[in-house]
Structure formats: structure tokens, C-alpha cells
Amino acid sequence: MAKNISKIILLASMLILFGCSREEVPHTRGVYMLMDTSGTYTKELEQAQRVINFILSNLNPGDSFAVARVDTGSFSEKDIIAKVQFEDRPSRANQQKRIFRDKIDKFVKNVKGSAYTDITGGMLQAIEWLNEARTGHNTILIFSDLKEDLKKGFVRDIPLQLSGFSVVALNVTKLRSDNIDPREYLNRLAAWQERVEAGGGTWQVVNDLERLESVLTF
């Protein structure tokens, strides 16, 4: 009899622990957007603002969002332009969104183009930030032509740990050299796809921003 009671208690404890572990799985979403600020790509940042406004309007309480610039050395907290975790109160969440938009507007109005493009460093910073946010569904958006140009001495031959991450490249504009030889553009996309998928992530390219709503599962 005592053995049966012990078994029942043990089974009940296991069920409670199992139930708690299931409840602890987060259903919040984390989005980290990288904005290329190199060369003439700064002309594209008004489109990036529209993407940011779309994301802000579709995120919910508990979700996290950050926007960072891609510049000469992007593996740095200082490159984050705006970041937020939305609170439960709608009035407070709306205030957070207004503050976020204001920071982005101010940045775009005063942005200065960078000499180099450290996309890998930005990706590493995105992974670190989203992991710390402990959100359930993580998305990294790269608003860039995906042409990485590193300053001499920078080491970026580093595997990207992207298991459970979705990576979406947005507005991948074609460079002048791509028009001369389209293989450069196609190879650039293929190289990034291979790198993301090798790290366990999923990869997608969206150049028609009208399709953004159907692509991003917000």
C-alpha cells in the first residue's frame, strides 16, 4: 500500500513538473533588424522606416524589437539604435512604440554613411541580443544589399549559431557590378543562404516589400 502511494505521489510530481515545463515555453516574438548604412544604401532607409512601422504595429505585449545599424564594426551594443520589450498595458505599449519611432526618425534624418559593411558582426550582435531576450520565436531582418566589406584586420570567419532563428533579407538591391555580371548577385545570395542554413537557421529573401505581411508571421 505504501509503495502504491509513493508511486502515485511520484507520478503526480512528474506530471506537475511536465506541465510547468510546457507552460514555461515562451510564445513571445523577438525581432532584430539590421540596417545597412554604407555608401549609397543610406538612400534606402526611408523604406526601412516603413518596414519598422509595419513591425511595430504588429508586435504584442511581451514581444521584443531592436533596430541596429550595420557599419564598420557592428558587433557592438552601441550600434543598437532603438530597443524595446512591450509592456502589457496598451497605453504604455503605444507610448513605447512612439518613442521607438522617434528614435528611428531622428537616426535616419542624421545618418552618416559608413565606409565599411560588417554584416557578420551585426548578425552576431543580433543573436546575442535575441538569446538574452529569451523570446520564443526569433527573426533577424537584414535590410542591405548583402555586400560585406570589412576593414583590414577584422576577423569575421565565424560560424553563426542560428538554430531556431529565421533570417530574412529585405530590399537586396543590385549593385552596378551585378548588372554587368548577374552571377555576382546570385552568388552573394547563395553564399549568405548557405551560411545561415549551416548555422541551423532558415533563410528567405524579400525584395517586394508589399509581400512583407504574408512573409513575416506576426
N, C-alpha and C. Protein backbone atom coordinates (compact mmCIF):
# COMPACT_ATOMS: atom_id res chain seq x y z
N MET A 1 0.83 -1.20 0.00
CA MET A 1 0.00 0.00 0.00
C MET A 1 0.87 1.26 0.00
N ALA A 2 1.88 1.27 0.89
CA ALA A 2 2.79 2.41 0.99
C ALA A 2 3.54 2.60 -0.32
N LYS A 3 3.90 1.46 -0.97
CA LYS A 3 4.61 1.54 -2.24
C LYS A 3 3.72 2.16 -3.32
N ASN A 4 2.44 1.77 -3.31
CA ASN A 4 1.50 2.31 -4.30
C ASN A 4 1.32 3.82 -4.12
N ILE A 5 1.21 4.25 -2.83
CA ILE A 5 1.07 5.68 -2.55
C ILE A 5 2.30 6.45 -3.04
N SER A 6 3.48 5.87 -2.79
CA SER A 6 4.72 6.51 -3.22
C SER A 6 4.77 6.65 -4.74
N LYS A 7 4.30 5.61 -5.44
CA LYS A 7 4.28 5.66 -6.90
C LYS A 7 3.34 6.74 -7.41
N ILE A 8 2.17 6.84 -6.74
CA ILE A 8 1.18 7.85 -7.14
C ILE A 8 1.74 9.25 -6.94
N ILE A 9 2.40 9.46 -5.77
CA ILE A 9 3.00 10.77 -5.49
C ILE A 9 4.08 11.10 -6.51
N LEU A 10 4.91 10.10 -6.84
CA LEU A 10 5.98 10.29 -7.81
C LEU A 10 5.40 10.65 -9.18
N LEU A 11 4.35 9.92 -9.59
CA LEU A 11 3.72 10.17 -10.88
C LEU A 11 3.10 11.56 -10.93
N ALA A 12 2.42 11.96 -9.84
CA ALA A 12 1.81 13.29 -9.77
C ALA A 12 2.87 14.38 -9.86
N SER A 13 3.98 14.16 -9.18
CA SER A 13 5.07 15.14 -9.21
C SER A 13 5.63 15.30 -10.62
N MET A 14 5.77 14.17 -11.32
CA MET A 14 6.30 14.21 -12.68
C MET A 14 5.35 14.96 -13.61
N LEU A 15 4.03 14.72 -13.42
CA LEU A 15 3.03 15.40 -14.25
C LEU A 15 3.04 16.90 -14.01
N ILE A 16 3.20 17.30 -12.73
CA ILE A 16 3.26 18.72 -12.39
C ILE A 16 4.48 19.37 -13.03
N LEU A 17 5.62 18.69 -12.90
CA LEU A 17 6.85 19.22 -13.48
C LEU A 17 6.74 19.32 -14.99
N PHE A 18 6.13 18.30 -15.62
CA PHE A 18 5.96 18.31 -17.07
C PHE A 18 5.06 19.45 -17.50
N GLY A 19 3.98 19.64 -16.72
CA GLY A 19 3.05 20.72 -17.03
C GLY A 19 3.70 22.08 -16.90
N CYS A 20 4.52 22.25 -15.87
CA CYS A 20 5.21 23.53 -15.67
C CYS A 20 6.20 23.79 -16.79
N SER A 21 6.91 22.74 -17.21
CA SER A 21 7.90 22.93 -18.26
C SER A 21 7.24 23.34 -19.56
N ARG A 22 6.03 22.81 -19.79
CA ARG A 22 5.32 23.19 -21.01
C ARG A 22 4.86 24.65 -20.94
N GLU A 23 4.43 25.07 -19.76
CA GLU A 23 3.97 26.43 -19.60
C GLU A 23 5.10 27.44 -19.75
N GLU A 24 6.34 26.99 -19.45
CA GLU A 24 7.46 27.90 -19.48
C GLU A 24 7.96 28.17 -20.89
N VAL A 25 7.48 27.41 -21.88
CA VAL A 25 7.90 27.66 -23.25
C VAL A 25 7.34 29.01 -23.70
N PRO A 26 8.19 29.98 -24.01
CA PRO A 26 7.69 31.32 -24.33
C PRO A 26 7.00 31.37 -25.69
N HIS A 27 5.94 32.15 -25.76
CA HIS A 27 5.23 32.34 -27.03
C HIS A 27 5.46 33.75 -27.57
N THR A 28 6.35 34.48 -26.96
CA THR A 28 6.64 35.83 -27.41
C THR A 28 7.55 35.80 -28.64
N ARG A 29 7.61 36.93 -29.32
CA ARG A 29 8.41 37.03 -30.53
C ARG A 29 9.51 38.07 -30.37
N GLY A 30 10.65 37.76 -30.93
CA GLY A 30 11.76 38.70 -30.91
C GLY A 30 12.19 39.02 -32.33
N VAL A 31 12.32 40.30 -32.62
CA VAL A 31 12.72 40.74 -33.96
C VAL A 31 13.91 41.68 -33.82
N TYR A 32 14.95 41.41 -34.59
CA TYR A 32 16.14 42.26 -34.60
C TYR A 32 16.39 42.63 -36.05
N MET A 33 16.36 43.92 -36.35
CA MET A 33 16.52 44.38 -37.73
C MET A 33 17.84 45.12 -37.89
N LEU A 34 18.61 44.70 -38.88
CA LEU A 34 19.88 45.33 -39.21
C LEU A 34 19.69 46.25 -40.41
N MET A 35 20.12 47.50 -40.28
CA MET A 35 20.00 48.46 -41.38
C MET A 35 21.39 48.82 -41.91
N ASP A 36 21.61 48.55 -43.16
CA ASP A 36 22.87 48.88 -43.82
C ASP A 36 22.99 50.40 -43.96
N THR A 37 24.10 50.96 -43.51
CA THR A 37 24.30 52.41 -43.62
C THR A 37 25.55 52.74 -44.44
N SER A 38 25.95 51.82 -45.30
CA SER A 38 27.17 52.06 -46.08
C SER A 38 26.85 52.72 -47.41
N GLY A 39 27.74 53.60 -47.84
CA GLY A 39 27.66 54.18 -49.17
C GLY A 39 26.31 54.75 -49.53
N THR A 40 25.87 54.45 -50.76
CA THR A 40 24.61 54.99 -51.26
C THR A 40 23.40 54.26 -50.70
N TYR A 41 23.61 53.19 -49.93
CA TYR A 41 22.45 52.44 -49.42
C TYR A 41 21.67 53.25 -48.39
N THR A 42 22.26 54.31 -47.88
CA THR A 42 21.53 55.16 -46.94
C THR A 42 20.29 55.76 -47.59
N LYS A 43 20.27 55.84 -48.93
CA LYS A 43 19.11 56.36 -49.65
C LYS A 43 17.89 55.44 -49.51
N GLU A 44 18.14 54.20 -49.10
CA GLU A 44 17.06 53.21 -48.98
C GLU A 44 16.40 53.23 -47.60
N LEU A 45 16.91 54.03 -46.67
CA LEU A 45 16.47 53.94 -45.29
C LEU A 45 15.04 54.40 -45.05
N GLU A 46 14.50 55.22 -45.96
CA GLU A 46 13.09 55.59 -45.81
C GLU A 46 12.19 54.36 -45.98
N GLN A 47 12.59 53.46 -46.86
CA GLN A 47 11.85 52.21 -47.00
C GLN A 47 11.99 51.36 -45.73
N ALA A 48 13.17 51.41 -45.13
CA ALA A 48 13.38 50.68 -43.88
C ALA A 48 12.44 51.20 -42.80
N GLN A 49 12.20 52.50 -42.78
CA GLN A 49 11.27 53.08 -41.81
C GLN A 49 9.87 52.50 -41.97
N ARG A 50 9.45 52.31 -43.21
CA ARG A 50 8.12 51.74 -43.45
C ARG A 50 8.04 50.31 -42.93
N VAL A 51 9.13 49.57 -43.10
CA VAL A 51 9.18 48.20 -42.57
C VAL A 51 9.09 48.22 -41.05
N ILE A 52 9.83 49.12 -40.43
CA ILE A 52 9.83 49.24 -38.97
C ILE A 52 8.44 49.59 -38.45
N ASN A 53 7.77 50.52 -39.11
CA ASN A 53 6.41 50.90 -38.69
C ASN A 53 5.44 49.73 -38.81
N PHE A 54 5.60 48.93 -39.86
CA PHE A 54 4.77 47.74 -40.03
C PHE A 54 4.99 46.76 -38.88
N ILE A 55 6.25 46.53 -38.54
CA ILE A 55 6.57 45.59 -37.45
C ILE A 55 6.02 46.10 -36.13
N LEU A 56 6.23 47.38 -35.85
CA LEU A 56 5.73 47.95 -34.60
C LEU A 56 4.22 47.76 -34.45
N SER A 57 3.49 47.92 -35.54
CA SER A 57 2.04 47.81 -35.47
C SER A 57 1.56 46.38 -35.27
N ASN A 58 2.46 45.41 -35.47
CA ASN A 58 2.04 44.01 -35.39
C ASN A 58 2.62 43.24 -34.20
N LEU A 59 3.45 43.89 -33.40
CA LEU A 59 4.00 43.20 -32.23
C LEU A 59 3.09 43.39 -31.02
N ASN A 60 3.13 42.44 -30.11
CA ASN A 60 2.21 42.37 -28.97
C ASN A 60 2.95 42.51 -27.64
N PRO A 61 2.20 42.65 -26.54
CA PRO A 61 2.84 42.69 -25.22
C PRO A 61 3.76 41.48 -24.99
N GLY A 62 4.93 41.75 -24.44
CA GLY A 62 5.90 40.69 -24.20
C GLY A 62 6.87 40.48 -25.34
N ASP A 63 6.52 40.95 -26.54
CA ASP A 63 7.42 40.83 -27.69
C ASP A 63 8.58 41.82 -27.55
N SER A 64 9.69 41.50 -28.21
CA SER A 64 10.88 42.36 -28.16
C SER A 64 11.30 42.76 -29.56
N PHE A 65 11.79 43.98 -29.70
CA PHE A 65 12.18 44.50 -31.02
C PHE A 65 13.39 45.39 -30.86
N ALA A 66 14.33 45.23 -31.76
CA ALA A 66 15.52 46.09 -31.77
C ALA A 66 15.90 46.40 -33.21
N VAL A 67 16.39 47.60 -33.43
CA VAL A 67 16.91 48.00 -34.74
C VAL A 67 18.33 48.50 -34.53
N ALA A 68 19.25 48.00 -35.37
CA ALA A 68 20.65 48.38 -35.24
C ALA A 68 21.22 48.74 -36.61
N ARG A 69 22.23 49.56 -36.61
CA ARG A 69 22.89 49.91 -37.86
C ARG A 69 24.01 48.92 -38.16
N VAL A 70 24.26 48.74 -39.45
CA VAL A 70 25.43 47.97 -39.89
C VAL A 70 26.45 49.00 -40.35
N ASP A 71 27.59 49.03 -39.67
CA ASP A 71 28.63 49.97 -40.06
C ASP A 71 29.98 49.27 -40.11
N THR A 72 31.06 50.01 -39.82
CA THR A 72 32.40 49.44 -39.95
C THR A 72 32.62 48.26 -39.02
N GLY A 73 32.21 48.39 -37.75
CA GLY A 73 32.33 47.30 -36.78
C GLY A 73 31.03 47.16 -36.03
N SER A 74 30.22 46.18 -36.42
CA SER A 74 28.83 46.14 -35.93
C SER A 74 28.59 45.20 -34.75
N PHE A 75 29.63 44.53 -34.28
CA PHE A 75 29.45 43.63 -33.14
C PHE A 75 29.58 44.44 -31.85
N SER A 76 28.60 45.32 -31.66
CA SER A 76 28.67 46.25 -30.54
C SER A 76 27.28 46.70 -30.14
N GLU A 77 27.07 46.81 -28.83
CA GLU A 77 25.80 47.30 -28.30
C GLU A 77 25.53 48.74 -28.74
N LYS A 78 26.58 49.51 -28.99
CA LYS A 78 26.41 50.92 -29.35
C LYS A 78 25.74 51.10 -30.70
N ASP A 79 25.72 50.07 -31.51
CA ASP A 79 25.09 50.17 -32.83
C ASP A 79 23.59 49.94 -32.78
N ILE A 80 23.05 49.59 -31.62
CA ILE A 80 21.60 49.45 -31.49
C ILE A 80 20.99 50.84 -31.39
N ILE A 81 20.14 51.17 -32.34
CA ILE A 81 19.51 52.49 -32.41
C ILE A 81 18.33 52.58 -31.45
N ALA A 82 17.53 51.54 -31.42
CA ALA A 82 16.35 51.51 -30.54
C ALA A 82 16.06 50.07 -30.17
N LYS A 83 15.59 49.85 -28.94
CA LYS A 83 15.25 48.50 -28.48
C LYS A 83 14.12 48.60 -27.47
N VAL A 84 13.29 47.56 -27.40
CA VAL A 84 12.13 47.62 -26.51
C VAL A 84 11.57 46.22 -26.26
N GLN A 85 11.03 46.04 -25.08
CA GLN A 85 10.16 44.89 -24.79
C GLN A 85 8.82 45.47 -24.40
N PHE A 86 7.78 45.11 -25.12
CA PHE A 86 6.49 45.77 -24.94
C PHE A 86 5.78 45.31 -23.68
N GLU A 87 5.24 46.30 -22.95
CA GLU A 87 4.52 46.04 -21.71
C GLU A 87 3.08 45.61 -21.99
N ASP A 88 2.40 45.13 -20.95
CA ASP A 88 1.04 44.61 -21.11
C ASP A 88 0.01 45.72 -21.32
N ARG A 89 0.18 46.85 -20.66
CA ARG A 89 -0.81 47.93 -20.77
C ARG A 89 -0.78 48.54 -22.16
N PRO A 90 -1.91 48.55 -22.89
CA PRO A 90 -1.94 49.11 -24.25
C PRO A 90 -1.47 50.56 -24.32
N SER A 91 -1.84 51.37 -23.33
CA SER A 91 -1.42 52.77 -23.35
C SER A 91 0.09 52.90 -23.25
N ARG A 92 0.68 52.08 -22.39
CA ARG A 92 2.13 52.11 -22.23
C ARG A 92 2.83 51.55 -23.47
N ALA A 93 2.27 50.47 -24.06
CA ALA A 93 2.85 49.88 -25.27
C ALA A 93 2.83 50.88 -26.42
N ASN A 94 1.72 51.63 -26.55
CA ASN A 94 1.63 52.64 -27.61
C ASN A 94 2.65 53.75 -27.40
N GLN A 95 2.87 54.10 -26.14
CA GLN A 95 3.89 55.12 -25.84
C GLN A 95 5.28 54.60 -26.21
N GLN A 96 5.54 53.33 -25.91
CA GLN A 96 6.83 52.72 -26.25
C GLN A 96 7.05 52.75 -27.77
N LYS A 97 5.98 52.49 -28.51
CA LYS A 97 6.09 52.49 -29.98
C LYS A 97 6.38 53.89 -30.51
N ARG A 98 5.76 54.90 -29.92
CA ARG A 98 6.02 56.28 -30.35
C ARG A 98 7.47 56.67 -30.09
N ILE A 99 7.97 56.31 -28.92
CA ILE A 99 9.36 56.61 -28.58
C ILE A 99 10.31 55.91 -29.54
N PHE A 100 9.97 54.66 -29.87
CA PHE A 100 10.79 53.86 -30.79
C PHE A 100 10.83 54.54 -32.16
N ARG A 101 9.66 54.94 -32.67
CA ARG A 101 9.60 55.61 -33.98
C ARG A 101 10.41 56.90 -33.97
N ASP A 102 10.30 57.65 -32.90
CA ASP A 102 11.03 58.93 -32.81
C ASP A 102 12.54 58.71 -32.90
N LYS A 103 13.02 57.67 -32.24
CA LYS A 103 14.46 57.37 -32.28
C LYS A 103 14.90 57.00 -33.69
N ILE A 104 14.06 56.21 -34.38
CA ILE A 104 14.40 55.81 -35.75
C ILE A 104 14.36 57.02 -36.68
N ASP A 105 13.34 57.86 -36.55
CA ASP A 105 13.23 59.06 -37.39
C ASP A 105 14.44 59.96 -37.21
N LYS A 106 14.84 60.15 -35.98
CA LYS A 106 15.99 61.01 -35.69
C LYS A 106 17.26 60.42 -36.30
N PHE A 107 17.41 59.11 -36.20
CA PHE A 107 18.60 58.46 -36.76
C PHE A 107 18.65 58.63 -38.27
N VAL A 108 17.53 58.36 -38.94
CA VAL A 108 17.51 58.43 -40.40
C VAL A 108 17.79 59.83 -40.90
N LYS A 109 17.29 60.83 -40.20
CA LYS A 109 17.50 62.23 -40.61
C LYS A 109 18.96 62.65 -40.48
N ASN A 110 19.68 62.04 -39.54
CA ASN A 110 21.05 62.47 -39.26
C ASN A 110 22.11 61.43 -39.61
N VAL A 111 21.71 60.36 -40.28
CA VAL A 111 22.65 59.26 -40.52
C VAL A 111 23.79 59.69 -41.43
N LYS A 112 24.97 59.17 -41.12
CA LYS A 112 26.14 59.36 -41.96
C LYS A 112 26.61 57.99 -42.44
N GLY A 113 26.86 57.90 -43.73
CA GLY A 113 27.24 56.61 -44.30
C GLY A 113 28.56 56.10 -43.74
N SER A 114 28.64 54.80 -43.57
CA SER A 114 29.87 54.18 -43.06
C SER A 114 30.75 53.74 -44.22
N ALA A 115 32.03 53.64 -43.95
CA ALA A 115 32.99 53.27 -45.00
C ALA A 115 32.99 51.78 -45.28
N TYR A 116 32.61 50.98 -44.27
CA TYR A 116 32.65 49.52 -44.42
C TYR A 116 31.31 48.92 -43.98
N THR A 117 31.14 47.63 -44.27
CA THR A 117 29.86 46.97 -44.01
C THR A 117 30.10 45.66 -43.28
N ASP A 118 29.98 45.67 -41.98
CA ASP A 118 30.22 44.49 -41.15
C ASP A 118 28.88 43.78 -40.85
N ILE A 119 28.37 43.06 -41.83
CA ILE A 119 27.09 42.36 -41.66
C ILE A 119 27.23 41.22 -40.66
N THR A 120 28.33 40.49 -40.73
CA THR A 120 28.53 39.36 -39.80
C THR A 120 28.54 39.83 -38.36
N GLY A 121 29.23 40.93 -38.09
CA GLY A 121 29.25 41.45 -36.73
C GLY A 121 27.86 41.81 -36.25
N GLY A 122 27.06 42.40 -37.15
CA GLY A 122 25.68 42.72 -36.81
C GLY A 122 24.85 41.48 -36.52
N MET A 123 25.09 40.43 -37.29
CA MET A 123 24.38 39.16 -37.06
C MET A 123 24.74 38.58 -35.70
N LEU A 124 26.01 38.61 -35.36
CA LEU A 124 26.44 38.09 -34.06
C LEU A 124 25.81 38.86 -32.91
N GLN A 125 25.73 40.19 -33.06
CA GLN A 125 25.10 41.02 -32.04
C GLN A 125 23.61 40.71 -31.95
N ALA A 126 22.97 40.47 -33.10
CA ALA A 126 21.54 40.14 -33.12
C ALA A 126 21.27 38.84 -32.39
N ILE A 127 22.08 37.83 -32.65
CA ILE A 127 21.92 36.53 -31.99
C ILE A 127 22.06 36.68 -30.48
N GLU A 128 23.08 37.41 -30.07
CA GLU A 128 23.31 37.61 -28.64
C GLU A 128 22.13 38.32 -27.98
N TRP A 129 21.63 39.38 -28.62
CA TRP A 129 20.53 40.16 -28.04
C TRP A 129 19.25 39.35 -27.96
N LEU A 130 18.92 38.62 -29.01
CA LEU A 130 17.70 37.82 -29.02
C LEU A 130 17.77 36.67 -28.02
N ASN A 131 18.94 36.06 -27.88
CA ASN A 131 19.09 35.00 -26.89
C ASN A 131 18.87 35.54 -25.48
N GLU A 132 19.36 36.73 -25.21
CA GLU A 132 19.17 37.34 -23.89
C GLU A 132 17.71 37.75 -23.67
N ALA A 133 17.00 38.08 -24.75
CA ALA A 133 15.59 38.46 -24.64
C ALA A 133 14.72 37.26 -24.29
N ARG A 134 15.22 36.05 -24.58
CA ARG A 134 14.53 34.79 -24.24
C ARG A 134 13.11 34.75 -24.82
N THR A 135 13.01 35.14 -26.07
CA THR A 135 11.73 35.06 -26.77
C THR A 135 11.59 33.70 -27.45
N GLY A 136 10.36 33.34 -27.74
CA GLY A 136 10.11 32.01 -28.28
C GLY A 136 10.36 31.88 -29.77
N HIS A 137 10.09 32.95 -30.51
CA HIS A 137 10.24 32.93 -31.97
C HIS A 137 11.13 34.11 -32.37
N ASN A 138 12.29 33.80 -32.94
CA ASN A 138 13.28 34.84 -33.22
C ASN A 138 13.46 35.06 -34.72
N THR A 139 13.43 36.32 -35.11
CA THR A 139 13.62 36.69 -36.51
C THR A 139 14.67 37.78 -36.62
N ILE A 140 15.62 37.58 -37.53
CA ILE A 140 16.61 38.60 -37.85
C ILE A 140 16.32 39.10 -39.26
N LEU A 141 16.10 40.40 -39.38
CA LEU A 141 15.87 41.03 -40.68
C LEU A 141 17.13 41.78 -41.09
N ILE A 142 17.57 41.59 -42.33
CA ILE A 142 18.76 42.28 -42.83
C ILE A 142 18.34 43.18 -43.99
N PHE A 143 18.33 44.47 -43.75
CA PHE A 143 17.96 45.44 -44.77
C PHE A 143 19.25 45.94 -45.40
N SER A 144 19.67 45.29 -46.50
CA SER A 144 21.01 45.52 -47.04
C SER A 144 21.12 44.95 -48.45
N ASP A 145 22.16 45.40 -49.17
CA ASP A 145 22.47 44.77 -50.45
C ASP A 145 23.30 43.50 -50.26
N LEU A 146 23.62 43.18 -49.00
CA LEU A 146 24.35 41.96 -48.59
C LEU A 146 25.80 41.92 -49.08
N LYS A 147 26.33 43.05 -49.48
CA LYS A 147 27.73 43.11 -49.87
C LYS A 147 28.56 43.46 -48.63
N GLU A 148 29.22 42.45 -48.07
CA GLU A 148 30.03 42.69 -46.87
C GLU A 148 31.40 43.21 -47.27
N ASP A 149 31.81 44.30 -46.62
CA ASP A 149 33.10 44.93 -46.90
C ASP A 149 33.75 45.24 -45.55
N LEU A 150 34.76 44.46 -45.20
CA LEU A 150 35.36 44.55 -43.87
C LEU A 150 36.64 45.39 -43.87
N LYS A 151 36.81 46.13 -42.80
CA LYS A 151 38.04 46.89 -42.61
C LYS A 151 39.20 45.92 -42.40
N LYS A 152 40.36 46.29 -42.87
CA LYS A 152 41.53 45.44 -42.75
C LYS A 152 41.78 45.06 -41.29
N GLY A 153 41.98 43.77 -41.07
CA GLY A 153 42.26 43.28 -39.73
C GLY A 153 41.05 42.69 -39.03
N PHE A 154 39.84 42.98 -39.53
CA PHE A 154 38.63 42.43 -38.91
C PHE A 154 38.49 40.95 -39.27
N VAL A 155 38.19 40.12 -38.28
CA VAL A 155 38.02 38.67 -38.49
C VAL A 155 36.55 38.34 -38.33
N ARG A 156 35.94 37.82 -39.38
CA ARG A 156 34.51 37.50 -39.33
C ARG A 156 34.22 36.11 -39.89
N ASP A 157 35.25 35.29 -40.02
CA ASP A 157 35.05 33.91 -40.48
C ASP A 157 34.63 33.07 -39.28
N ILE A 158 33.40 33.35 -38.81
CA ILE A 158 32.90 32.78 -37.56
C ILE A 158 31.56 32.09 -37.84
N PRO A 159 31.37 30.84 -37.39
CA PRO A 159 30.07 30.18 -37.59
C PRO A 159 28.95 30.94 -36.87
N LEU A 160 27.80 31.00 -37.50
CA LEU A 160 26.64 31.67 -36.90
C LEU A 160 25.73 30.63 -36.27
N GLN A 161 25.46 30.76 -34.98
CA GLN A 161 24.61 29.81 -34.26
C GLN A 161 23.15 30.24 -34.38
N LEU A 162 22.45 29.71 -35.39
CA LEU A 162 21.13 30.21 -35.74
C LEU A 162 20.01 29.18 -35.60
N SER A 163 20.23 28.17 -34.80
CA SER A 163 19.18 27.16 -34.61
C SER A 163 17.94 27.82 -33.99
N GLY A 164 16.80 27.67 -34.66
CA GLY A 164 15.56 28.27 -34.17
C GLY A 164 15.35 29.69 -34.65
N PHE A 165 16.27 30.23 -35.45
CA PHE A 165 16.16 31.60 -35.95
C PHE A 165 15.68 31.61 -37.40
N SER A 166 14.86 32.61 -37.72
CA SER A 166 14.51 32.89 -39.12
C SER A 166 15.28 34.13 -39.54
N VAL A 167 15.94 34.05 -40.68
CA VAL A 167 16.69 35.19 -41.21
C VAL A 167 16.05 35.60 -42.54
N VAL A 168 15.67 36.87 -42.62
CA VAL A 168 15.01 37.38 -43.82
C VAL A 168 15.80 38.57 -44.36
N ALA A 169 16.27 38.45 -45.59
CA ALA A 169 16.98 39.55 -46.24
C ALA A 169 15.95 40.40 -46.98
N LEU A 170 15.98 41.71 -46.72
CA LEU A 170 15.00 42.63 -47.29
C LEU A 170 15.67 43.63 -48.24
N ASN A 171 14.97 43.93 -49.34
CA ASN A 171 15.40 45.00 -50.22
C ASN A 171 16.86 44.83 -50.65
N VAL A 172 17.18 43.63 -51.15
CA VAL A 172 18.56 43.34 -51.56
C VAL A 172 18.77 43.98 -52.94
N THR A 173 19.16 45.23 -52.93
CA THR A 173 19.32 45.96 -54.19
C THR A 173 20.52 45.43 -54.97
N LYS A 174 20.43 45.60 -56.27
CA LYS A 174 21.51 45.16 -57.16
C LYS A 174 22.54 46.27 -57.33
N LEU A 175 23.79 45.89 -57.22
CA LEU A 175 24.89 46.83 -57.40
C LEU A 175 25.17 47.02 -58.89
N ARG A 176 25.94 48.05 -59.19
CA ARG A 176 26.28 48.30 -60.60
C ARG A 176 27.00 47.11 -61.21
N SER A 177 27.88 46.50 -60.43
CA SER A 177 28.61 45.33 -60.93
C SER A 177 27.69 44.13 -61.15
N ASP A 178 26.59 44.08 -60.39
CA ASP A 178 25.63 42.98 -60.57
C ASP A 178 24.95 43.07 -61.94
N ASN A 179 24.72 44.29 -62.40
CA ASN A 179 24.11 44.46 -63.72
C ASN A 179 25.05 44.01 -64.83
N ILE A 180 26.34 44.18 -64.59
CA ILE A 180 27.33 43.74 -65.57
C ILE A 180 27.43 42.22 -65.57
N ASP A 181 27.47 41.64 -64.35
CA ASP A 181 27.57 40.19 -64.22
C ASP A 181 26.58 39.73 -63.14
N PRO A 182 25.37 39.31 -63.54
CA PRO A 182 24.34 38.90 -62.57
C PRO A 182 24.77 37.77 -61.65
N ARG A 183 25.81 37.02 -62.06
CA ARG A 183 26.28 35.93 -61.20
C ARG A 183 26.79 36.45 -59.86
N GLU A 184 27.29 37.67 -59.82
CA GLU A 184 27.75 38.25 -58.55
C GLU A 184 26.60 38.36 -57.55
N TYR A 185 25.48 38.84 -58.04
CA TYR A 185 24.29 38.98 -57.19
C TYR A 185 23.80 37.62 -56.72
N LEU A 186 23.67 36.68 -57.64
CA LEU A 186 23.18 35.35 -57.30
C LEU A 186 24.13 34.62 -56.35
N ASN A 187 25.41 34.77 -56.58
CA ASN A 187 26.40 34.13 -55.71
C ASN A 187 26.38 34.73 -54.31
N ARG A 188 26.14 36.05 -54.22
CA ARG A 188 26.07 36.72 -52.92
C ARG A 188 24.89 36.17 -52.11
N LEU A 189 23.75 36.04 -52.75
CA LEU A 189 22.58 35.48 -52.07
C LEU A 189 22.82 34.04 -51.65
N ALA A 190 23.41 33.26 -52.57
CA ALA A 190 23.64 31.84 -52.28
C ALA A 190 24.62 31.65 -51.12
N ALA A 191 25.64 32.52 -51.08
CA ALA A 191 26.64 32.41 -50.01
C ALA A 191 26.02 32.68 -48.64
N TRP A 192 25.16 33.71 -48.56
CA TRP A 192 24.51 34.01 -47.29
C TRP A 192 23.51 32.92 -46.91
N GLN A 193 22.79 32.40 -47.88
CA GLN A 193 21.84 31.31 -47.59
C GLN A 193 22.58 30.10 -47.03
N GLU A 194 23.69 29.75 -47.66
CA GLU A 194 24.48 28.60 -47.20
C GLU A 194 24.98 28.81 -45.77
N ARG A 195 25.41 30.01 -45.49
CA ARG A 195 25.96 30.31 -44.17
C ARG A 195 24.88 30.24 -43.10
N VAL A 196 23.71 30.81 -43.39
CA VAL A 196 22.60 30.80 -42.42
C VAL A 196 22.12 29.38 -42.18
N GLU A 197 21.92 28.63 -43.24
CA GLU A 197 21.42 27.26 -43.10
C GLU A 197 22.45 26.34 -42.44
N ALA A 198 23.73 26.60 -42.67
CA ALA A 198 24.78 25.82 -42.00
C ALA A 198 24.74 26.04 -40.49
N GLY A 199 24.26 27.22 -40.08
CA GLY A 199 24.13 27.52 -38.66
C GLY A 199 22.82 27.06 -38.05
N GLY A 200 21.97 26.40 -38.86
CA GLY A 200 20.72 25.87 -38.34
C GLY A 200 19.52 26.78 -38.52
N GLY A 201 19.70 27.93 -39.19
CA GLY A 201 18.60 28.87 -39.38
C GLY A 201 17.87 28.66 -40.69
N THR A 202 16.76 29.37 -40.86
CA THR A 202 16.04 29.38 -42.13
C THR A 202 16.31 30.69 -42.83
N TRP A 203 16.26 30.67 -44.16
CA TRP A 203 16.66 31.83 -44.96
C TRP A 203 15.57 32.18 -45.96
N GLN A 204 15.34 33.47 -46.13
CA GLN A 204 14.38 33.94 -47.12
C GLN A 204 14.77 35.32 -47.60
N VAL A 205 14.49 35.59 -48.87
CA VAL A 205 14.76 36.90 -49.46
C VAL A 205 13.44 37.52 -49.88
N VAL A 206 13.22 38.78 -49.46
CA VAL A 206 12.00 39.51 -49.82
C VAL A 206 12.42 40.86 -50.40
N ASN A 207 12.31 40.98 -51.71
CA ASN A 207 12.64 42.25 -52.35
C ASN A 207 11.40 43.10 -52.61
N ASP A 208 10.26 42.45 -52.75
CA ASP A 208 9.00 43.17 -52.91
C ASP A 208 8.40 43.39 -51.53
N LEU A 209 8.58 44.58 -50.98
CA LEU A 209 8.15 44.85 -49.61
C LEU A 209 6.64 44.82 -49.45
N GLU A 210 5.90 44.80 -50.56
CA GLU A 210 4.45 44.66 -50.48
C GLU A 210 4.08 43.26 -49.99
N ARG A 211 5.01 42.32 -50.11
CA ARG A 211 4.77 40.93 -49.69
C ARG A 211 5.16 40.69 -48.23
N LEU A 212 5.62 41.73 -47.58
CA LEU A 212 6.16 41.55 -46.22
C LEU A 212 5.16 40.96 -45.27
N GLU A 213 3.92 41.40 -45.34
CA GLU A 213 2.90 40.93 -44.40
C GLU A 213 2.66 39.44 -44.53
N SER A 214 2.71 38.92 -45.75
CA SER A 214 2.47 37.49 -45.95
C SER A 214 3.68 36.65 -45.59
N VAL A 215 4.85 37.27 -45.56
CA VAL A 215 6.09 36.53 -45.27
C VAL A 215 6.37 36.46 -43.78
N LEU A 216 6.23 37.61 -43.09
CA LEU A 216 6.51 37.65 -41.66
C LEU A 216 5.27 37.23 -40.88
N THR A 217 5.40 36.21 -40.08
CA THR A 217 4.26 35.68 -39.34
C THR A 217 4.08 36.42 -38.01
N PHE A 218 3.72 37.69 -38.09
CA PHE A 218 3.47 38.47 -36.90
C PHE A 218 2.00 38.36 -36.51
